[in-house]
Amino acid sequence: MDALTIAAASGLRSRMQSLDLLANNLANTGTAGFKRDTEYYGLYNSDESSGSSGTSGLPVVERQWTDFSQGSIQVTANPMDVALNGSGFLVVNGPSGPLYTRNGNLQVLPDGTLGTAQGYVLQDTGGNAISVKPGQAVEISTDGSITQNGTAIGQLKVVDFKNPQSLSKLGNTLFQNADPQNLPVAPQATQVQQGKIEGSNVPVAEAAMQLVGVMRQFEMLQKAVGISSEMDTKSIQEVARVGS
């Protein structure tokens, strides 16, 4: 395979990955607590792509990078909605350990514990579940303390990470810490705001423009592969004419 086809094929692969990321971002512009994903490019050196000047690098998506910047906070007036104004995550009980989320769309689960819309039980500051009385008003203060009928029943556990890039996505709004050395810490100046929800941090117009740009790049690379194929065909035909 010639160098032009190899480079174009590598570009097509990385553009396909970019299209997947951008499409998923746009699909979740209305998902509370969603954090957009972007690609981090690197170069893959292959002997197959070596030319007369030596080994050349091919563009590849080296890893996925999540943008943890805060989305816009929207007023819902629903007392079961909470938004984190500042850094940090709510902690929930996952199947194999704690999970972290910015989606504050809460509910009372069938067993009487406070959980997320996906059914994950929220942790209090001691790592325990928070039991609430169904049908009674819940008040949540800015430090996450929860009261019902004037009685304190728990405090939402909110944590942060010095390096949030160690968090890997599970679904669209849940994260798992993949680095046991990157321990959760207390967030600085983060407020829990009741009756509000944090929206997605996807800039819709920008993401749409990026999607169009990547699609055009994809089309150009497809044409490059076609041109390379035509050049190879013509070369073979010319060789055949000379031989005859």
Protein backbone atom coordinates (compact mmCIF):
# COMPACT_ATOMS: atom_id res chain seq x y z
CA MET A 1 0.00 0.00 0.00
CA ASP A 2 1.44 3.39 -1.01
CA ALA A 3 2.14 6.21 1.43
CA LEU A 4 -0.73 8.39 0.19
CA THR A 5 -3.32 5.66 0.77
CA ILE A 6 -1.88 4.82 4.20
CA ALA A 7 -1.97 8.47 5.32
CA ALA A 8 -5.50 8.99 3.96
CA ALA A 9 -6.79 5.80 5.57
CA SER A 10 -5.29 6.83 8.91
CA GLY A 11 -6.95 10.22 8.60
CA LEU A 12 -10.29 8.59 7.76
CA ARG A 13 -10.09 6.43 10.86
CA SER A 14 -9.34 9.36 13.17
CA ARG A 15 -12.11 11.43 11.54
CA MET A 16 -14.61 8.60 12.08
CA GLN A 17 -13.73 8.61 15.79
CA SER A 18 -14.16 12.39 15.88
CA LEU A 19 -17.56 12.10 14.21
CA ASP A 20 -18.67 9.58 16.85
CA LEU A 21 -17.60 11.92 19.68
CA LEU A 22 -19.24 14.98 18.15
CA ALA A 23 -22.46 13.11 17.36
CA ASN A 24 -22.66 11.85 20.94
CA ASN A 25 -22.02 15.36 22.28
CA LEU A 26 -24.82 16.81 20.17
CA ALA A 27 -27.18 13.98 21.13
CA ASN A 28 -26.67 14.86 24.82
CA THR A 29 -27.05 18.63 24.69
CA GLY A 30 -30.23 18.21 26.74
CA THR A 31 -28.77 15.71 29.24
CA ALA A 32 -28.32 17.17 32.72
CA GLY A 33 -24.75 16.98 33.99
CA PHE A 34 -23.34 15.75 30.66
CA LYS A 35 -19.70 16.59 29.99
CA ARG A 36 -18.57 16.84 26.41
CA ASP A 37 -15.82 14.64 25.00
CA THR A 38 -13.03 15.74 22.70
CA GLU A 39 -10.20 13.87 21.04
CA TYR A 40 -6.50 14.08 21.86
CA TYR A 41 -4.35 13.46 18.81
CA GLY A 42 -1.03 11.72 18.65
CA LEU A 43 1.24 10.29 15.95
CA TYR A 44 1.65 6.63 15.19
CA ASN A 45 4.97 5.75 13.59
CA SER A 46 4.82 2.79 11.25
CA ASP A 47 7.48 1.22 9.06
CA GLU A 48 4.79 0.84 6.39
CA SER A 49 4.52 4.63 6.18
CA SER A 50 8.28 5.09 5.79
CA GLY A 51 9.37 7.07 2.82
CA SER A 52 12.74 8.03 1.46
CA SER A 53 13.19 10.40 4.38
CA GLY A 54 12.53 7.73 6.99
CA THR A 55 9.59 6.76 9.17
CA SER A 56 6.71 9.26 9.14
CA GLY A 57 3.93 9.71 11.67
CA LEU A 58 0.29 8.98 11.05
CA PRO A 59 -2.46 10.93 12.88
CA VAL A 60 -4.44 8.85 15.38
CA VAL A 61 -6.82 9.64 18.22
CA GLU A 62 -4.53 8.76 21.10
CA ARG A 63 -7.17 9.07 23.82
CA GLN A 64 -10.50 10.60 24.64
CA TRP A 65 -10.49 13.78 26.74
CA THR A 66 -13.47 14.92 28.78
CA ASP A 67 -14.16 18.61 29.36
CA PHE A 68 -15.26 18.96 32.99
CA SER A 69 -16.09 22.66 32.81
CA GLN A 70 -19.40 23.61 34.39
CA GLY A 71 -22.54 23.73 32.29
CA SER A 72 -25.18 26.41 32.67
CA ILE A 73 -27.31 26.17 35.81
CA GLN A 74 -31.03 26.14 35.05
CA VAL A 75 -33.85 26.89 37.48
CA THR A 76 -36.42 24.07 37.60
CA ALA A 77 -38.20 24.89 40.89
CA ASN A 78 -38.29 21.14 41.51
CA PRO A 79 -37.13 20.50 45.12
CA MET A 80 -35.73 17.13 44.03
CA ASP A 81 -33.28 18.80 41.64
CA VAL A 82 -29.85 19.94 42.83
CA ALA A 83 -27.02 21.61 40.96
CA LEU A 84 -23.38 21.86 42.00
CA ASN A 85 -22.18 25.43 41.56
CA GLY A 86 -18.45 24.84 41.41
CA SER A 87 -16.26 21.81 40.99
CA GLY A 88 -17.00 18.38 42.37
CA PHE A 89 -19.33 15.41 42.02
CA LEU A 90 -22.16 13.74 43.88
CA VAL A 91 -21.21 10.24 45.05
CA VAL A 92 -23.46 7.25 44.40
CA ASN A 93 -23.21 3.52 45.07
CA GLY A 94 -22.23 1.68 41.89
CA PRO A 95 -22.25 -2.08 41.25
CA SER A 96 -18.54 -2.38 42.04
CA GLY A 97 -17.77 0.75 44.05
CA PRO A 98 -18.50 4.46 44.20
CA LEU A 99 -19.46 6.35 41.06
CA TYR A 100 -19.52 10.10 40.53
CA THR A 101 -22.02 12.35 38.76
CA ARG A 102 -23.00 15.96 38.16
CA ASN A 103 -26.57 15.02 37.26
CA GLY A 104 -28.61 16.26 40.22
CA ASN A 105 -32.00 15.02 39.06
CA LEU A 106 -32.87 13.13 42.28
CA GLN A 107 -35.73 10.90 43.35
CA VAL A 108 -36.89 8.85 46.32
CA LEU A 109 -36.26 5.20 45.49
CA PRO A 110 -38.76 2.44 46.36
CA ASP A 111 -36.76 1.48 49.48
CA GLY A 112 -37.04 5.05 50.82
CA THR A 113 -33.47 6.09 50.06
CA LEU A 114 -32.44 9.14 48.08
CA GLY A 115 -31.08 8.29 44.64
CA THR A 116 -30.50 9.49 41.10
CA ALA A 117 -32.91 9.30 38.20
CA GLN A 118 -31.00 6.20 37.06
CA GLY A 119 -31.71 4.47 40.38
CA TYR A 120 -28.26 4.78 42.01
CA VAL A 121 -28.32 5.37 45.77
CA LEU A 122 -26.67 8.61 46.90
CA GLN A 123 -24.05 8.55 49.64
CA ASP A 124 -23.93 10.82 52.67
CA THR A 125 -20.66 12.16 54.07
CA GLY A 126 -20.19 8.90 55.97
CA GLY A 127 -20.67 6.77 52.86
CA ASN A 128 -24.13 5.60 53.90
CA ALA A 129 -27.49 5.84 52.16
CA ILE A 130 -29.84 8.72 53.00
CA SER A 131 -33.33 7.61 54.03
CA VAL A 132 -36.20 10.05 53.47
CA LYS A 133 -39.92 9.91 54.11
CA PRO A 134 -41.84 9.74 50.81
CA GLY A 135 -44.38 12.47 50.19
CA GLN A 136 -42.81 14.94 52.61
CA ALA A 137 -40.90 18.06 51.61
CA VAL A 138 -37.11 17.84 51.50
CA GLU A 139 -34.93 20.87 52.12
CA ILE A 140 -31.32 20.89 50.94
CA SER A 141 -28.95 23.63 52.06
CA THR A 142 -25.92 24.95 50.18
CA ASP A 143 -23.56 22.60 52.04
CA GLY A 144 -25.68 19.59 51.07
CA SER A 145 -27.36 19.14 54.45
CA ILE A 146 -30.84 17.60 54.11
CA THR A 147 -33.74 18.17 56.46
CA GLN A 148 -37.37 17.03 56.61
CA ASN A 149 -39.87 18.71 58.91
CA GLY A 150 -36.98 20.51 60.58
CA THR A 151 -35.12 17.26 61.34
CA ALA A 152 -31.64 16.67 59.90
CA ILE A 153 -31.51 13.37 58.01
CA GLY A 154 -28.13 13.52 56.30
CA GLN A 155 -25.72 15.46 54.13
CA LEU A 156 -24.94 14.86 50.48
CA LYS A 157 -21.41 13.68 49.86
CA VAL A 158 -19.66 15.95 47.37
CA VAL A 159 -16.06 15.25 46.36
CA ASP A 160 -13.57 16.53 43.83
CA PHE A 161 -10.37 15.20 42.23
CA LYS A 162 -7.02 16.90 41.72
CA ASN A 163 -6.85 15.19 38.33
CA PRO A 164 -10.36 14.62 36.96
CA GLN A 165 -8.93 13.07 33.80
CA SER A 166 -8.52 9.83 35.73
CA LEU A 167 -12.31 9.57 35.67
CA SER A 168 -13.68 7.35 32.92
CA LYS A 169 -17.23 7.61 31.66
CA LEU A 170 -19.86 5.01 32.40
CA GLY A 171 -22.83 5.95 30.26
CA ASN A 172 -23.44 9.65 29.74
CA THR A 173 -23.36 11.17 33.24
CA LEU A 174 -21.60 8.67 35.50
CA PHE A 175 -17.85 8.49 36.09
CA GLN A 176 -15.57 5.90 37.66
CA ASN A 177 -12.16 6.68 39.11
CA ALA A 178 -9.59 4.57 37.26
CA ASP A 179 -6.60 5.73 39.34
CA PRO A 180 -6.52 4.50 42.97
CA GLN A 181 -3.73 7.01 43.67
CA ASN A 182 -5.98 9.93 42.72
CA LEU A 183 -8.07 10.01 45.87
CA PRO A 184 -11.20 12.16 46.17
CA VAL A 185 -10.79 15.41 48.09
CA ALA A 186 -13.18 18.01 49.47
CA PRO A 187 -14.18 20.58 46.83
CA GLN A 188 -13.35 24.24 47.35
CA ALA A 189 -16.25 26.71 47.68
CA THR A 190 -18.76 24.45 45.91
CA GLN A 191 -22.43 25.14 46.66
CA VAL A 192 -25.35 22.75 46.39
CA GLN A 193 -28.31 24.63 44.91
CA GLN A 194 -31.78 23.13 45.36
CA GLY A 195 -34.43 23.59 42.70
CA LYS A 196 -31.83 23.90 39.96
CA ILE A 197 -30.09 21.56 37.54
CA GLU A 198 -26.80 21.78 35.69
CA GLY A 199 -27.21 21.50 31.93
CA SER A 200 -24.82 19.97 29.44
CA ASN A 201 -21.61 21.89 28.79
CA VAL A 202 -21.76 21.19 25.04
CA PRO A 203 -21.61 24.47 23.01
CA VAL A 204 -24.23 23.51 20.44
CA ALA A 205 -23.29 25.96 17.68
CA GLU A 206 -19.58 25.21 17.99
CA ALA A 207 -20.16 21.44 18.04
CA ALA A 208 -22.38 21.65 14.96
CA MET A 209 -19.73 23.64 13.08
CA GLN A 210 -17.06 21.13 14.11
CA LEU A 211 -19.27 18.29 12.89
CA VAL A 212 -19.65 19.92 9.47
CA GLY A 213 -15.90 20.57 9.29
CA VAL A 214 -15.00 16.98 10.16
CA MET A 215 -17.48 15.65 7.59
CA ARG A 216 -15.84 17.80 4.89
CA GLN A 217 -12.41 16.53 5.93
CA PHE A 218 -13.75 12.99 5.74
CA GLU A 219 -15.00 13.58 2.18
CA MET A 220 -11.64 15.04 1.12
CA LEU A 221 -9.77 12.04 2.51
CA GLN A 222 -12.15 9.70 0.70
CA LYS A 223 -11.31 11.52 -2.53
CA ALA A 224 -7.60 11.17 -1.73
CA VAL A 225 -8.01 7.39 -1.43
CA GLY A 226 -9.87 7.38 -4.75
CA ILE A 227 -7.15 9.44 -6.45
CA SER A 228 -4.47 7.12 -5.09
CA SER A 229 -6.35 4.11 -6.42
CA GLU A 230 -6.70 5.75 -9.85
CA MET A 231 -2.97 6.54 -9.91
CA ASP A 232 -2.13 2.92 -9.10
CA THR A 233 -4.47 1.69 -11.83
CA LYS A 234 -2.95 4.03 -14.43
CA SER A 235 0.57 3.00 -13.38
CA ILE A 236 -0.31 -0.66 -13.91
CA GLN A 237 -1.85 0.11 -17.30
CA GLU A 238 1.25 2.06 -18.40
CA VAL A 239 3.52 -0.78 -17.32
CA ALA A 240 1.34 -3.20 -19.29
CA ARG A 241 1.60 -1.02 -22.44
CA VAL A 242 5.40 -0.87 -22.16
CA GLY A 243 5.55 -4.62 -21.69
CA SER A 244 3.48 -5.24 -24.78
